[in-house]
Amino acid sequence: MAAKKLCESFSKTLIDEVQRWGSMKQTGVTLRYMMEFGSKPTDKNLLISAQFLHKELAIRIARRAIELESLPYGLSQKPAVLKGRGVLDVNKIYKFQVRDWYLDSFRDLRSFPEIKDKNDELEFTQMIKMIKVRHNNVVPMMALGVQQLKKGMNPNIVYEDLDEIHQFLDRFYMSRIGIRMLIGQHVALHDPNPPPDRVGYIHTKMSPVEVARNASEDARAICLRQYGCAPDINIYGDPSFTFPYVPSHLHLMVFELVKNSLRAVQERFMDADKVSDEGGGIPRSGLPSIFTYLYSTAENRMDEEALGTGEIVTMAGYGYGIPISRLYARYFGGDLQIISMEGYGTDAYLHLSRLGDSQEPLP
């Protein structure tokens, strides 16, 4: 059925290729391997990396293109959205658009010739940089589709019971994290003047305190922009403690957690003279849902107009910050746990693997 649907807008040859490559085995890597391999970005190593990505990216992207044809719970059968005089089919907005991005990227990879020398490798690197840019809006586009699905659901439905949709989105986003990490790491290894202690995307001596401080300040800036004020944030820890990790991943996770905390505190105490650091906790009824993609305590402000701006800074109201943060933690063998006491506050525990020997989860 998936192959039949794909054929409606793409050649049979391409679809057969997608099906064949989507059935191939993926190859996972570890943070430690990426760090050790990338520590010597010689022309030979970059060539080996490009040859690996030429095949691996095609396999991973083909798998996602196939799965996008079988979206669960009618995710591609939502009601149309009126826009101007015409009718804008949300199915076409996000499902076909995202699917087409994946198919276009697969076609680019498969049409690229065998990588034999440095010039081939440099051309390939430019091509995968464009693939990464092409997929920048995948998360908000998919979020729009999920929100449209949510609008058409029975308001009494228990979101955490929709296992199929949550499992699909977990697989989809975990795969996306891996694809972007592999591309970003390879591209970054071409930097002729990398910052100290950097191996591509990886900081060999990352200070979690420093990253948490920067992420918290970014979250406060968003809070200030929205509310006109923001609670102070206290960060405790030893700034000299370091370990190898990807700072951008930790920044995203801490940013989402702090942003949620600031919003909870601000909205609970915004009329008080003194701002407490307890945000009231998550309602007991909502706790089982916090890692699902259909739950959020924030007002939903997303619409199709926002997708064209490229300036969607936060995911508040879309139900994505917490579940995607957990995927980032799990990508390198960590985890995210949330403990909340209704009426008081919430604690988030972010576990990260310092050894770097956990292989990528391969959905």
Protein backbone atom coordinates (compact mmCIF):
# COMPACT_ATOMS: atom_id res chain seq x y z
CA MET A 1 0.00 0.00 0.00
CA ALA A 2 2.83 2.41 0.88
CA ALA A 3 4.54 1.76 -2.42
CA LYS A 4 1.28 2.36 -4.30
CA LYS A 5 0.74 5.73 -2.61
CA LEU A 6 4.30 6.84 -3.28
CA CYS A 7 3.93 6.02 -6.96
CA GLU A 8 1.22 8.63 -7.28
CA SER A 9 3.80 11.43 -7.46
CA PHE A 10 7.19 9.74 -7.85
CA SER A 11 8.62 7.38 -10.48
CA LYS A 12 8.34 3.64 -9.98
CA THR A 13 12.12 3.32 -10.25
CA LEU A 14 12.64 5.70 -7.34
CA ILE A 15 9.96 3.99 -5.24
CA ASP A 16 11.50 0.59 -5.85
CA GLU A 17 14.83 2.00 -4.74
CA VAL A 18 13.27 3.43 -1.57
CA GLN A 19 11.68 0.07 -0.74
CA ARG A 20 14.95 -1.78 -1.34
CA TRP A 21 17.12 0.58 0.67
CA GLY A 22 14.54 0.86 3.43
CA SER A 23 14.88 -2.86 4.06
CA MET A 24 18.66 -2.67 4.55
CA LYS A 25 20.26 -2.83 7.98
CA GLN A 26 21.25 0.43 9.64
CA THR A 27 24.66 0.87 11.26
CA GLY A 28 24.79 2.65 14.60
CA VAL A 29 27.78 4.54 15.96
CA THR A 30 28.77 5.72 19.44
CA LEU A 31 29.77 9.15 20.66
CA ARG A 32 33.17 7.75 21.60
CA TYR A 33 33.70 6.38 18.09
CA MET A 34 32.71 9.68 16.49
CA MET A 35 35.07 11.52 18.81
CA GLU A 36 38.03 9.20 18.27
CA PHE A 37 37.53 8.93 14.51
CA GLY A 38 37.05 12.68 14.12
CA SER A 39 40.05 13.59 16.27
CA LYS A 40 42.18 13.26 13.12
CA PRO A 41 40.11 14.76 10.27
CA THR A 42 42.59 13.84 7.56
CA ASP A 43 41.56 13.71 3.92
CA LYS A 44 41.55 9.92 4.19
CA ASN A 45 39.27 9.89 7.24
CA LEU A 46 36.90 12.42 5.71
CA LEU A 47 36.72 10.27 2.60
CA ILE A 48 35.91 7.18 4.68
CA SER A 49 33.26 9.17 6.59
CA ALA A 50 31.65 10.41 3.37
CA GLN A 51 31.57 6.90 1.89
CA PHE A 52 29.89 5.61 5.05
CA LEU A 53 27.30 8.42 5.03
CA HIS A 54 26.61 7.96 1.33
CA LYS A 55 25.10 4.58 2.13
CA GLU A 56 23.93 5.02 5.74
CA LEU A 57 21.94 8.21 5.19
CA ALA A 58 20.15 6.67 2.21
CA ILE A 59 19.08 3.70 4.37
CA ARG A 60 17.82 5.84 7.24
CA ILE A 61 16.01 8.34 5.04
CA ALA A 62 14.37 5.57 2.99
CA ARG A 63 13.01 4.00 6.19
CA ARG A 64 11.38 7.23 7.25
CA ALA A 65 9.93 7.90 3.80
CA ILE A 66 8.27 4.47 3.85
CA GLU A 67 6.93 4.94 7.37
CA LEU A 68 5.48 8.36 6.51
CA GLU A 69 3.06 6.54 4.20
CA SER A 70 1.50 4.63 7.08
CA LEU A 71 0.75 7.31 9.65
CA PRO A 72 -1.37 5.94 12.53
CA TYR A 73 -4.74 7.10 13.87
CA GLY A 74 -5.73 8.94 10.70
CA LEU A 75 -2.86 11.37 11.09
CA SER A 76 -3.08 12.06 7.37
CA GLN A 77 -6.90 12.18 7.28
CA LYS A 78 -7.56 15.43 9.15
CA PRO A 79 -10.26 18.00 8.34
CA ALA A 80 -9.34 20.71 5.84
CA VAL A 81 -8.32 24.16 7.05
CA LEU A 82 -9.96 27.15 5.41
CA LYS A 83 -7.52 29.71 4.07
CA GLY A 84 -8.71 32.73 2.12
CA ARG A 85 -11.15 31.70 -0.60
CA GLY A 86 -9.76 28.24 -1.02
CA VAL A 87 -9.43 25.16 1.12
CA LEU A 88 -6.01 24.21 2.41
CA ASP A 89 -5.71 20.47 2.93
CA VAL A 90 -3.54 19.91 5.99
CA ASN A 91 -2.74 16.46 4.66
CA LYS A 92 -0.95 18.17 1.77
CA ILE A 93 0.58 20.83 4.01
CA TYR A 94 2.57 18.54 6.19
CA LYS A 95 2.39 14.87 5.28
CA PHE A 96 3.17 15.13 1.60
CA GLN A 97 5.59 18.00 2.17
CA VAL A 98 7.59 16.09 4.77
CA ARG A 99 7.44 12.88 2.76
CA ASP A 100 8.62 14.74 -0.34
CA TRP A 101 11.55 16.21 1.59
CA TYR A 102 12.65 12.71 2.51
CA LEU A 103 12.17 11.37 -1.00
CA ASP A 104 14.02 14.31 -2.53
CA SER A 105 16.90 13.76 -0.11
CA PHE A 106 16.97 10.04 -0.88
CA ARG A 107 17.06 10.81 -4.59
CA ASP A 108 19.92 13.28 -4.09
CA LEU A 109 21.93 10.68 -2.19
CA ARG A 110 21.32 7.87 -4.66
CA SER A 111 22.03 10.05 -7.71
CA PHE A 112 25.36 11.17 -6.24
CA PRO A 113 28.17 9.14 -7.86
CA GLU A 114 30.64 6.95 -6.01
CA ILE A 115 32.91 9.01 -3.75
CA LYS A 116 36.49 8.31 -4.82
CA ASP A 117 38.63 11.32 -3.96
CA LYS A 118 38.83 14.60 -2.05
CA ASN A 119 36.90 16.59 -4.66
CA ASP A 120 34.06 14.05 -4.57
CA GLU A 121 34.05 14.23 -0.78
CA LEU A 122 33.84 18.03 -0.75
CA GLU A 123 30.96 18.01 -3.24
CA PHE A 124 29.18 15.35 -1.20
CA THR A 125 29.64 17.44 1.96
CA GLN A 126 27.98 20.43 0.30
CA MET A 127 25.12 18.23 -0.84
CA ILE A 128 24.38 16.80 2.62
CA LYS A 129 24.58 20.32 4.07
CA MET A 130 21.69 21.21 1.77
CA ILE A 131 19.80 18.09 2.84
CA LYS A 132 20.13 19.17 6.47
CA VAL A 133 18.76 22.64 5.61
CA ARG A 134 15.90 21.10 3.60
CA HIS A 135 14.72 19.26 6.71
CA ASN A 136 14.93 22.23 9.11
CA ASN A 137 11.14 22.62 9.37
CA VAL A 138 10.27 18.95 9.75
CA VAL A 139 9.47 19.25 13.48
CA PRO A 140 7.04 22.22 13.25
CA MET A 141 5.48 20.75 10.11
CA MET A 142 4.81 17.44 11.85
CA ALA A 143 3.67 19.30 14.96
CA LEU A 144 1.05 21.10 12.89
CA GLY A 145 -0.24 17.77 11.62
CA VAL A 146 -0.45 16.34 15.13
CA GLN A 147 -2.25 19.44 16.39
CA GLN A 148 -4.79 19.14 13.60
CA LEU A 149 -5.30 15.51 14.57
CA LYS A 150 -5.81 16.56 18.18
CA LYS A 151 -8.48 19.10 17.21
CA GLY A 152 -10.52 16.38 15.56
CA MET A 153 -10.34 13.99 18.50
CA ASN A 154 -12.83 13.36 21.24
CA PRO A 155 -11.83 15.82 24.03
CA ASN A 156 -12.21 13.01 26.58
CA ILE A 157 -9.69 10.74 24.87
CA VAL A 158 -6.75 9.58 27.00
CA TYR A 159 -3.69 10.64 25.03
CA GLU A 160 -1.25 8.23 26.63
CA ASP A 161 -3.40 5.36 25.40
CA LEU A 162 -2.59 6.25 21.79
CA ASP A 163 0.52 4.09 21.85
CA GLU A 164 0.83 3.71 18.11
CA ILE A 165 1.08 7.41 17.37
CA HIS A 166 3.56 8.04 20.19
CA GLN A 167 5.73 5.13 19.12
CA PHE A 168 5.69 6.35 15.52
CA LEU A 169 6.71 9.88 16.53
CA ASP A 170 9.41 8.58 18.89
CA ARG A 171 10.90 6.52 16.06
CA PHE A 172 10.59 9.36 13.58
CA TYR A 173 12.22 12.00 15.78
CA MET A 174 14.92 9.68 17.14
CA SER A 175 15.89 8.87 13.56
CA ARG A 176 15.92 12.58 12.71
CA ILE A 177 18.25 13.30 15.63
CA GLY A 178 20.64 10.63 14.38
CA ILE A 179 20.57 11.79 10.75
CA ARG A 180 21.25 15.40 11.73
CA MET A 181 24.01 14.36 14.13
CA LEU A 182 25.80 12.32 11.46
CA ILE A 183 25.54 15.10 8.87
CA GLY A 184 26.45 17.85 11.32
CA GLN A 185 29.44 15.94 12.67
CA HIS A 186 30.85 15.28 9.20
CA VAL A 187 30.34 18.87 8.06
CA ALA A 188 31.86 20.33 11.25
CA LEU A 189 35.02 18.24 10.81
CA HIS A 190 35.85 20.46 7.82
CA ASP A 191 36.31 23.52 10.03
CA PRO A 192 39.96 24.53 9.50
CA ASN A 193 40.05 26.36 12.84
CA PRO A 194 37.85 24.45 15.30
CA PRO A 195 37.36 25.87 18.80
CA PRO A 196 39.56 24.37 21.54
CA ASP A 197 38.64 20.82 22.63
CA ARG A 198 36.17 20.42 19.77
CA VAL A 199 35.83 17.40 17.52
CA GLY A 200 33.09 18.33 15.10
CA TYR A 201 29.88 18.70 17.11
CA ILE A 202 31.49 17.10 20.16
CA HIS A 203 33.11 19.08 22.98
CA THR A 204 35.70 16.81 24.59
CA LYS A 205 35.66 18.86 27.80
CA MET A 206 32.09 20.10 28.02
CA SER A 207 31.11 21.78 31.26
CA PRO A 208 27.45 20.96 32.00
CA VAL A 209 27.30 23.93 34.37
CA GLU A 210 28.39 26.32 31.63
CA VAL A 211 25.95 24.88 29.11
CA ALA A 212 23.13 24.97 31.68
CA ARG A 213 23.92 28.61 32.43
CA ASN A 214 23.78 29.59 28.74
CA ALA A 215 20.60 27.60 28.12
CA SER A 216 18.95 29.13 31.19
CA GLU A 217 19.78 32.65 30.03
CA ASP A 218 18.28 31.88 26.63
CA ALA A 219 15.13 30.58 28.33
CA ARG A 220 14.95 33.71 30.49
CA ALA A 221 15.20 35.86 27.36
CA ILE A 222 12.15 34.09 25.92
CA CYS A 223 10.30 34.55 29.22
CA LEU A 224 11.19 38.26 29.30
CA ARG A 225 9.97 38.70 25.76
CA GLN A 226 6.64 37.04 26.49
CA TYR A 227 5.87 38.26 30.02
CA GLY A 228 8.03 41.35 30.45
CA CYS A 229 9.87 39.81 33.39
CA ALA A 230 11.49 36.52 34.36
CA PRO A 231 12.40 34.79 37.63
CA ASP A 232 16.07 34.50 38.57
CA ILE A 233 17.68 31.10 38.10
CA ASN A 234 20.15 29.54 40.50
CA ILE A 235 22.60 27.01 39.05
CA TYR A 236 24.60 24.78 41.38
CA GLY A 237 27.54 22.64 40.34
CA ASP A 238 31.28 22.54 39.77
CA PRO A 239 32.16 24.52 36.61
CA SER A 240 35.45 22.64 36.36
CA PHE A 241 33.71 19.27 35.97
CA THR A 242 33.74 18.26 32.31
CA PHE A 243 33.10 15.26 30.07
CA PRO A 244 32.73 14.63 26.31
CA TYR A 245 29.28 15.43 24.95
CA VAL A 246 27.41 17.42 22.32
CA PRO A 247 26.76 20.89 23.82
CA SER A 248 23.93 21.70 21.42
CA HIS A 249 22.02 18.60 22.58
CA LEU A 250 22.41 19.45 26.27
CA HIS A 251 21.55 23.09 25.57
CA LEU A 252 18.28 22.06 23.91
CA MET A 253 17.31 19.78 26.80
CA VAL A 254 18.09 22.28 29.54
CA PHE A 255 16.49 25.12 27.59
CA GLU A 256 13.21 23.20 27.27
CA LEU A 257 13.16 22.18 30.94
CA VAL A 258 14.00 25.67 32.24
CA LYS A 259 11.56 27.32 29.83
CA ASN A 260 8.75 25.11 31.10
CA SER A 261 9.73 25.86 34.69
CA LEU A 262 9.86 29.62 34.08
CA ARG A 263 6.47 29.60 32.43
CA ALA A 264 4.94 27.61 35.29
CA VAL A 265 6.38 29.98 37.90
CA GLN A 266 5.54 33.12 35.94
CA GLU A 267 1.94 32.17 35.24
CA ARG A 268 1.35 31.11 38.82
CA PHE A 269 2.91 34.15 40.52
CA MET A 270 2.79 36.88 37.90
CA ASP A 271 0.54 39.04 40.10
CA ALA A 272 2.60 38.56 43.26
CA ASP A 273 5.27 40.88 44.66
CA LYS A 274 7.65 38.00 45.27
CA VAL A 275 8.25 35.21 42.75
CA SER A 276 8.70 31.80 44.28
CA ASP A 277 10.72 29.03 42.66
CA GLU A 278 7.88 26.54 42.95
CA GLY A 279 5.66 26.57 39.90
CA GLY A 280 2.70 24.60 41.22
CA GLY A 281 3.61 21.26 39.73
CA ILE A 282 1.93 19.29 36.99
CA PRO A 283 -1.70 18.29 37.60
CA ARG A 284 -1.92 14.67 38.73
CA SER A 285 -4.17 13.92 35.77
CA GLY A 286 -1.56 15.24 33.36
CA LEU A 287 1.52 13.49 34.75
CA PRO A 288 1.11 10.27 32.72
CA SER A 289 0.85 12.39 29.55
CA ILE A 290 3.92 14.61 29.79
CA PHE A 291 6.00 12.42 27.47
CA THR A 292 3.30 12.18 24.83
CA TYR A 293 3.10 14.43 21.78
CA LEU A 294 -0.52 15.45 22.32
CA TYR A 295 -0.21 16.92 25.79
CA SER A 296 0.64 20.48 26.76
CA THR A 297 -0.38 22.84 29.54
CA ALA A 298 0.34 25.89 27.39
CA GLU A 299 -2.00 27.70 25.06
CA ASN A 300 -1.69 26.36 21.53
CA ARG A 301 -0.50 29.15 19.24
CA MET A 302 0.69 27.19 16.24
CA ASP A 303 -0.77 27.60 12.77
CA GLU A 304 0.28 27.04 9.20
CA GLU A 305 1.30 30.70 8.81
CA ALA A 306 4.12 30.25 11.33
CA LEU A 307 5.80 27.60 9.24
CA GLY A 308 6.89 30.00 6.55
CA THR A 309 8.79 32.31 8.90
CA GLY A 310 11.52 29.92 10.02
CA GLU A 311 11.42 31.68 13.38
CA ILE A 312 9.65 29.18 15.61
CA VAL A 313 11.85 29.56 18.69
CA THR A 314 9.77 27.72 21.25
CA MET A 315 7.49 24.69 21.16
CA ALA A 316 5.32 25.77 24.08
CA GLY A 317 1.82 24.60 23.50
CA TYR A 318 2.74 21.96 20.95
CA GLY A 319 3.55 19.13 23.37
CA TYR A 320 7.02 18.55 21.91
CA GLY A 321 9.64 20.05 24.23
CA ILE A 322 9.64 17.35 26.90
CA PRO A 323 9.27 14.20 24.75
CA ILE A 324 11.90 15.37 22.27
CA SER A 325 14.25 16.34 25.10
CA ARG A 326 13.97 12.78 26.39
CA LEU A 327 14.86 11.46 22.94
CA TYR A 328 17.98 13.65 22.86
CA ALA A 329 18.96 12.29 26.29
CA ARG A 330 18.39 8.70 25.18
CA TYR A 331 20.26 9.15 21.90
CA PHE A 332 23.61 8.77 23.68
CA GLY A 333 22.42 6.39 26.42
CA GLY A 334 20.92 8.84 28.93
CA ASP A 335 17.36 9.53 30.06
CA LEU A 336 15.00 12.17 31.38
CA GLN A 337 12.71 11.68 34.37
CA ILE A 338 10.06 14.06 35.69
CA ILE A 339 8.76 13.99 39.26
CA SER A 340 6.02 16.44 40.19
CA MET A 341 3.98 17.27 43.29
CA GLU A 342 0.72 18.95 42.35
CA GLY A 343 0.29 22.28 44.10
CA TYR A 344 3.99 22.60 44.85
CA GLY A 345 6.50 22.07 42.05
CA THR A 346 8.35 19.79 39.67
CA ASP A 347 11.80 18.19 39.60
CA ALA A 348 13.42 17.06 36.36
CA TYR A 349 16.33 14.61 36.41
CA LEU A 350 18.48 14.57 33.28
CA HIS A 351 20.81 11.57 33.12
CA LEU A 352 23.72 11.68 30.66
CA SER A 353 26.22 8.96 29.84
CA ARG A 354 29.79 10.12 30.48
CA LEU A 355 31.37 7.04 28.93
CA GLY A 356 30.08 7.71 25.41
CA ASP A 357 29.98 4.00 24.60
CA SER A 358 26.22 3.67 24.08
CA GLN A 359 25.33 2.95 20.47
CA GLU A 360 22.71 5.05 18.72
CA PRO A 361 19.16 3.72 19.07
CA LEU A 362 18.17 2.71 15.55
CA PRO A 363 14.39 2.86 15.07
